[in-house]
C-alpha cells in the first residue's frame, strides 16, 4: 500500500514530464519530412534517398551503371532502397529517443499494479 502511495506522489511530476515528452515528440514528427538518409549499392552505382516518413525521395544512377542489364540494375536499386530505408529508420529512432529522454516509467508501473 505504501508503495502505491509513493507512486501516486510521483504522478504529478511524471505527468508534467509526459507532457514535455509529448511536445518533443510532436516536434520530431514535424521534422520527419525533412530528415534524409541514403543507401548505396554496387559500389555507389545506385544511390537512394529516403525521408523520415520512409518515402523514397530520390534515386540516382552513376554514369557507369549497367543500364542495359535491367535485372542487375533492379537488384542494385532494391538494395540501395532497402539500405536507405534502414538508415532513415535508425535516424528516426535516434530522434525519437532524444525526444523521450530517460523517462522512468517504473513509478507508473507500480501505480498500475505492475511488477
N, C-alpha and C. Protein backbone atom coordinates (compact mmCIF):
# COMPACT_ATOMS: atom_id res chain seq x y z
N UNK A 1 0.82 -1.19 0.00
CA UNK A 1 0.00 0.00 0.00
C UNK A 1 0.87 1.26 0.00
N UNK A 2 1.96 1.24 0.81
CA UNK A 2 2.83 2.40 0.87
C UNK A 2 3.55 2.63 -0.45
N UNK A 3 3.85 1.52 -1.15
CA UNK A 3 4.49 1.65 -2.46
C UNK A 3 3.56 2.35 -3.44
N UNK A 4 2.27 2.01 -3.36
CA UNK A 4 1.30 2.65 -4.25
C UNK A 4 1.13 4.12 -3.91
N UNK A 5 1.16 4.47 -2.62
CA UNK A 5 1.07 5.88 -2.22
C UNK A 5 2.30 6.64 -2.69
N UNK A 6 3.47 6.01 -2.60
CA UNK A 6 4.70 6.64 -3.07
C UNK A 6 4.61 6.88 -4.58
N UNK A 7 4.12 5.89 -5.29
CA UNK A 7 3.97 6.02 -6.74
C UNK A 7 2.98 7.12 -7.07
N UNK A 8 1.91 7.23 -6.30
CA UNK A 8 0.91 8.26 -6.53
C UNK A 8 1.49 9.65 -6.31
N UNK A 9 2.38 9.80 -5.33
CA UNK A 9 3.00 11.10 -5.08
C UNK A 9 3.91 11.52 -6.22
N UNK A 10 4.38 10.56 -7.00
CA UNK A 10 5.26 10.86 -8.14
C UNK A 10 4.47 11.10 -9.42
N UNK A 11 3.17 10.96 -9.36
CA UNK A 11 2.34 11.07 -10.56
C UNK A 11 2.36 12.47 -11.15
N UNK A 12 2.28 13.51 -10.32
CA UNK A 12 2.26 14.89 -10.81
C UNK A 12 3.49 15.23 -11.63
N UNK A 13 4.70 15.05 -11.05
CA UNK A 13 5.91 15.33 -11.83
C UNK A 13 6.03 14.44 -13.07
N UNK A 14 5.55 13.22 -12.95
CA UNK A 14 5.62 12.30 -14.09
C UNK A 14 4.70 12.77 -15.22
N UNK A 15 3.54 13.28 -14.87
CA UNK A 15 2.61 13.78 -15.89
C UNK A 15 3.18 15.02 -16.58
N UNK A 16 3.86 15.89 -15.81
CA UNK A 16 4.50 17.06 -16.40
C UNK A 16 5.58 16.62 -17.38
N UNK A 17 6.34 15.62 -16.99
CA UNK A 17 7.40 15.09 -17.86
C UNK A 17 6.78 14.47 -19.12
N UNK A 18 5.64 13.80 -18.96
CA UNK A 18 4.97 13.18 -20.10
C UNK A 18 4.48 14.26 -21.08
N UNK A 19 3.97 15.37 -20.57
CA UNK A 19 3.53 16.46 -21.45
C UNK A 19 4.72 17.06 -22.20
N UNK A 20 5.83 17.21 -21.50
CA UNK A 20 7.04 17.73 -22.13
C UNK A 20 7.52 16.77 -23.23
N UNK A 21 7.50 15.47 -22.93
CA UNK A 21 7.91 14.47 -23.90
C UNK A 21 6.97 14.49 -25.11
N UNK A 22 5.68 14.65 -24.88
CA UNK A 22 4.72 14.69 -25.98
C UNK A 22 5.01 15.88 -26.90
N UNK A 23 5.33 17.02 -26.32
CA UNK A 23 5.65 18.20 -27.13
C UNK A 23 6.90 17.95 -27.97
N UNK A 24 7.90 17.31 -27.38
CA UNK A 24 9.12 17.00 -28.12
C UNK A 24 8.85 16.00 -29.23
N UNK A 25 8.00 15.02 -28.97
CA UNK A 25 7.64 14.03 -29.99
C UNK A 25 6.93 14.71 -31.16
N UNK A 26 6.08 15.68 -30.88
CA UNK A 26 5.39 16.40 -31.95
C UNK A 26 6.39 17.20 -32.79
N UNK A 27 7.42 17.76 -32.13
CA UNK A 27 8.47 18.48 -32.86
C UNK A 27 9.21 17.53 -33.79
N UNK A 28 9.54 16.34 -33.28
CA UNK A 28 10.24 15.35 -34.11
C UNK A 28 9.36 14.96 -35.29
N UNK A 29 8.09 14.70 -35.04
CA UNK A 29 7.18 14.31 -36.12
C UNK A 29 7.07 15.40 -37.19
N UNK A 30 7.13 16.65 -36.76
CA UNK A 30 7.08 17.75 -37.72
C UNK A 30 8.34 17.81 -38.58
N UNK A 31 9.46 17.34 -38.04
CA UNK A 31 10.73 17.35 -38.78
C UNK A 31 10.92 16.12 -39.66
N UNK A 32 10.10 15.09 -39.51
CA UNK A 32 10.30 13.85 -40.27
C UNK A 32 10.41 14.05 -41.78
N UNK A 33 9.56 14.89 -42.38
CA UNK A 33 9.68 15.04 -43.83
C UNK A 33 11.03 15.62 -44.27
N UNK A 34 11.71 16.34 -43.39
CA UNK A 34 12.99 16.95 -43.74
C UNK A 34 14.19 16.04 -43.47
N UNK A 35 14.01 15.02 -42.63
CA UNK A 35 15.11 14.09 -42.35
C UNK A 35 15.45 13.32 -43.62
N UNK A 36 16.73 13.08 -43.83
CA UNK A 36 17.17 12.36 -45.03
C UNK A 36 18.25 11.35 -44.65
N UNK A 37 18.22 10.22 -45.33
CA UNK A 37 19.26 9.20 -45.23
C UNK A 37 19.40 8.55 -46.59
N UNK A 38 20.62 8.12 -46.90
CA UNK A 38 20.85 7.50 -48.20
C UNK A 38 21.30 6.06 -48.03
N UNK A 39 21.18 5.34 -49.10
CA UNK A 39 21.68 3.98 -49.19
C UNK A 39 22.30 3.82 -50.56
N UNK A 40 23.36 3.04 -50.62
CA UNK A 40 24.02 2.83 -51.91
C UNK A 40 24.18 1.34 -52.16
N UNK A 41 24.41 1.01 -53.42
CA UNK A 41 24.65 -0.39 -53.79
C UNK A 41 25.57 -0.41 -55.01
N UNK A 42 26.25 -1.52 -55.17
CA UNK A 42 27.12 -1.70 -56.33
C UNK A 42 28.27 -0.72 -56.36
N UNK A 43 28.86 -0.47 -55.18
CA UNK A 43 29.97 0.49 -55.15
C UNK A 43 29.52 1.89 -55.53
N UNK A 44 28.36 2.27 -55.08
CA UNK A 44 27.75 3.59 -55.34
C UNK A 44 27.26 3.76 -56.78
N UNK A 45 27.03 2.66 -57.48
CA UNK A 45 26.41 2.76 -58.81
C UNK A 45 24.98 3.27 -58.69
N UNK A 46 24.31 2.88 -57.58
CA UNK A 46 22.93 3.31 -57.34
C UNK A 46 22.88 3.92 -55.94
N UNK A 47 22.27 5.09 -55.86
CA UNK A 47 22.09 5.76 -54.57
C UNK A 47 20.62 6.10 -54.42
N UNK A 48 20.05 5.72 -53.28
CA UNK A 48 18.65 6.03 -52.98
C UNK A 48 18.61 6.92 -51.74
N UNK A 49 17.66 7.83 -51.72
CA UNK A 49 17.47 8.72 -50.58
C UNK A 49 16.05 8.55 -50.07
N UNK A 50 15.92 8.43 -48.74
CA UNK A 50 14.61 8.30 -48.11
C UNK A 50 14.45 9.43 -47.09
N UNK A 51 13.21 9.84 -46.87
CA UNK A 51 12.97 10.84 -45.82
C UNK A 51 12.45 10.14 -44.56
N UNK A 52 12.23 10.92 -43.52
CA UNK A 52 11.80 10.39 -42.24
C UNK A 52 10.41 9.79 -42.25
N UNK A 53 9.68 9.97 -43.34
CA UNK A 53 8.36 9.34 -43.48
C UNK A 53 8.46 8.00 -44.20
N UNK A 54 9.70 7.54 -44.40
CA UNK A 54 10.01 6.26 -45.07
C UNK A 54 9.60 6.29 -46.54
N UNK A 55 9.66 7.47 -47.14
CA UNK A 55 9.37 7.63 -48.56
C UNK A 55 10.69 7.78 -49.32
N UNK A 56 10.80 7.15 -50.45
CA UNK A 56 11.98 7.31 -51.29
C UNK A 56 11.82 8.64 -52.03
N UNK A 57 12.77 9.54 -51.83
CA UNK A 57 12.66 10.87 -52.43
C UNK A 57 13.54 11.03 -53.66
N UNK A 58 14.54 10.15 -53.81
CA UNK A 58 15.43 10.28 -54.95
C UNK A 58 16.18 8.97 -55.19
N UNK A 59 16.39 8.65 -56.44
CA UNK A 59 17.25 7.53 -56.84
C UNK A 59 18.15 8.05 -57.96
N UNK A 60 19.45 7.86 -57.79
CA UNK A 60 20.38 8.28 -58.83
C UNK A 60 21.23 7.10 -59.26
N UNK A 61 21.62 7.14 -60.52
CA UNK A 61 22.47 6.09 -61.10
C UNK A 61 23.76 6.74 -61.58
N UNK A 62 24.87 6.14 -61.24
CA UNK A 62 26.16 6.63 -61.72
C UNK A 62 26.22 6.45 -63.23
N UNK A 63 27.02 7.27 -63.87
CA UNK A 63 27.12 7.18 -65.33
C UNK A 63 27.67 5.83 -65.78
N UNK A 64 28.37 5.14 -64.86
CA UNK A 64 28.92 3.84 -65.21
C UNK A 64 27.98 2.68 -64.85
N UNK A 65 26.76 3.00 -64.40
CA UNK A 65 25.79 1.95 -64.03
C UNK A 65 25.41 1.13 -65.27
N UNK A 66 25.25 -0.18 -65.09
CA UNK A 66 24.91 -1.06 -66.22
C UNK A 66 23.44 -0.92 -66.62
N UNK A 67 23.13 0.15 -67.32
CA UNK A 67 21.74 0.46 -67.65
C UNK A 67 21.09 -0.56 -68.58
N UNK A 68 21.89 -1.33 -69.30
CA UNK A 68 21.30 -2.33 -70.21
C UNK A 68 21.02 -3.65 -69.50
N UNK A 69 21.65 -3.87 -68.37
CA UNK A 69 21.41 -5.10 -67.60
C UNK A 69 20.30 -4.80 -66.59
N UNK A 70 19.07 -4.90 -67.04
CA UNK A 70 17.94 -4.49 -66.21
C UNK A 70 17.78 -5.32 -64.95
N UNK A 71 18.11 -6.60 -65.01
CA UNK A 71 18.00 -7.45 -63.82
C UNK A 71 18.99 -7.00 -62.74
N UNK A 72 20.23 -6.76 -63.15
CA UNK A 72 21.25 -6.29 -62.20
C UNK A 72 20.87 -4.91 -61.67
N UNK A 73 20.41 -4.04 -62.54
CA UNK A 73 20.02 -2.70 -62.13
C UNK A 73 18.87 -2.74 -61.13
N UNK A 74 17.90 -3.63 -61.37
CA UNK A 74 16.79 -3.79 -60.43
C UNK A 74 17.28 -4.27 -59.08
N UNK A 75 18.21 -5.23 -59.07
CA UNK A 75 18.77 -5.73 -57.81
C UNK A 75 19.51 -4.63 -57.07
N UNK A 76 20.31 -3.87 -57.78
CA UNK A 76 21.07 -2.78 -57.15
C UNK A 76 20.13 -1.70 -56.62
N UNK A 77 19.10 -1.41 -57.37
CA UNK A 77 18.13 -0.40 -56.94
C UNK A 77 17.41 -0.86 -55.67
N UNK A 78 16.99 -2.10 -55.67
CA UNK A 78 16.31 -2.66 -54.50
C UNK A 78 17.23 -2.61 -53.28
N UNK A 79 18.49 -2.98 -53.45
CA UNK A 79 19.45 -2.97 -52.34
C UNK A 79 19.68 -1.55 -51.82
N UNK A 80 19.81 -0.59 -52.72
CA UNK A 80 20.03 0.80 -52.30
C UNK A 80 18.81 1.35 -51.57
N UNK A 81 17.63 1.03 -52.07
CA UNK A 81 16.38 1.49 -51.42
C UNK A 81 16.25 0.87 -50.04
N UNK A 82 16.50 -0.43 -49.92
CA UNK A 82 16.41 -1.09 -48.62
C UNK A 82 17.41 -0.49 -47.63
N UNK A 83 18.61 -0.19 -48.10
CA UNK A 83 19.62 0.40 -47.22
C UNK A 83 19.21 1.81 -46.80
N UNK A 84 18.66 2.58 -47.72
CA UNK A 84 18.20 3.94 -47.38
C UNK A 84 17.10 3.89 -46.33
N UNK A 85 16.16 2.97 -46.49
CA UNK A 85 15.06 2.86 -45.52
C UNK A 85 15.61 2.43 -44.16
N UNK A 86 16.52 1.47 -44.14
CA UNK A 86 17.12 1.04 -42.88
C UNK A 86 17.84 2.20 -42.20
N UNK A 87 18.60 2.96 -42.98
CA UNK A 87 19.34 4.10 -42.42
C UNK A 87 18.41 5.18 -41.88
N UNK A 88 17.33 5.46 -42.59
CA UNK A 88 16.42 6.50 -42.12
C UNK A 88 15.63 6.01 -40.90
N UNK A 89 15.33 4.71 -40.83
CA UNK A 89 14.67 4.17 -39.63
C UNK A 89 15.55 4.36 -38.40
N UNK A 90 16.84 4.10 -38.55
CA UNK A 90 17.78 4.29 -37.45
C UNK A 90 17.85 5.76 -37.05
N UNK A 91 17.86 6.65 -38.04
CA UNK A 91 17.90 8.08 -37.77
C UNK A 91 16.64 8.54 -37.02
N UNK A 92 15.48 8.07 -37.46
CA UNK A 92 14.23 8.43 -36.81
C UNK A 92 14.21 7.88 -35.38
N UNK A 93 14.69 6.66 -35.20
CA UNK A 93 14.73 6.07 -33.86
C UNK A 93 15.60 6.91 -32.92
N UNK A 94 16.74 7.37 -33.40
CA UNK A 94 17.61 8.23 -32.57
C UNK A 94 16.92 9.54 -32.23
N UNK A 95 16.21 10.10 -33.20
CA UNK A 95 15.47 11.34 -32.95
C UNK A 95 14.40 11.12 -31.89
N UNK A 96 13.68 10.02 -31.99
CA UNK A 96 12.61 9.71 -31.03
C UNK A 96 13.20 9.46 -29.63
N UNK A 97 14.32 8.75 -29.58
CA UNK A 97 14.96 8.50 -28.28
C UNK A 97 15.40 9.81 -27.65
N UNK A 98 15.87 10.73 -28.47
CA UNK A 98 16.25 12.04 -27.96
C UNK A 98 15.06 12.79 -27.39
N UNK A 99 13.91 12.60 -27.99
CA UNK A 99 12.70 13.27 -27.52
C UNK A 99 12.17 12.66 -26.23
N UNK A 100 12.28 11.33 -26.11
CA UNK A 100 11.74 10.69 -24.91
C UNK A 100 12.70 10.78 -23.74
N UNK A 101 13.99 10.94 -24.01
CA UNK A 101 14.97 11.05 -22.94
C UNK A 101 15.01 9.80 -22.10
N UNK A 102 15.28 9.98 -20.84
CA UNK A 102 15.40 8.86 -19.91
C UNK A 102 14.21 8.81 -18.95
N UNK A 103 13.03 9.00 -19.48
CA UNK A 103 11.84 9.00 -18.62
C UNK A 103 11.68 7.65 -17.94
N UNK A 104 11.63 7.67 -16.62
CA UNK A 104 11.49 6.46 -15.81
C UNK A 104 10.01 6.18 -15.58
N UNK A 105 9.54 5.09 -16.14
CA UNK A 105 8.11 4.74 -16.00
C UNK A 105 7.87 3.71 -14.91
N UNK A 106 8.87 3.41 -14.11
CA UNK A 106 8.71 2.39 -13.07
C UNK A 106 7.67 2.80 -12.03
N UNK A 107 7.57 4.08 -11.70
CA UNK A 107 6.58 4.53 -10.73
C UNK A 107 5.18 4.32 -11.28
N UNK A 108 5.00 4.57 -12.55
CA UNK A 108 3.69 4.35 -13.18
C UNK A 108 3.32 2.89 -13.17
N UNK A 109 4.29 2.00 -13.40
CA UNK A 109 4.02 0.58 -13.35
C UNK A 109 3.55 0.17 -11.95
N UNK A 110 4.18 0.75 -10.93
CA UNK A 110 3.79 0.45 -9.55
C UNK A 110 2.39 0.92 -9.24
N UNK A 111 2.04 2.07 -9.79
CA UNK A 111 0.70 2.62 -9.56
C UNK A 111 -0.37 1.76 -10.24
N UNK A 112 -0.02 1.19 -11.40
CA UNK A 112 -0.96 0.38 -12.15
C UNK A 112 -1.01 -1.05 -11.63
N UNK A 113 -0.21 -1.36 -10.62
CA UNK A 113 -0.24 -2.70 -10.07
C UNK A 113 0.70 -3.65 -10.77
N UNK A 114 1.60 -3.11 -11.61
CA UNK A 114 2.56 -3.95 -12.30
C UNK A 114 3.70 -4.36 -11.39
N UNK A 115 4.50 -5.29 -11.85
CA UNK A 115 5.61 -5.78 -11.05
C UNK A 115 6.77 -4.83 -11.09
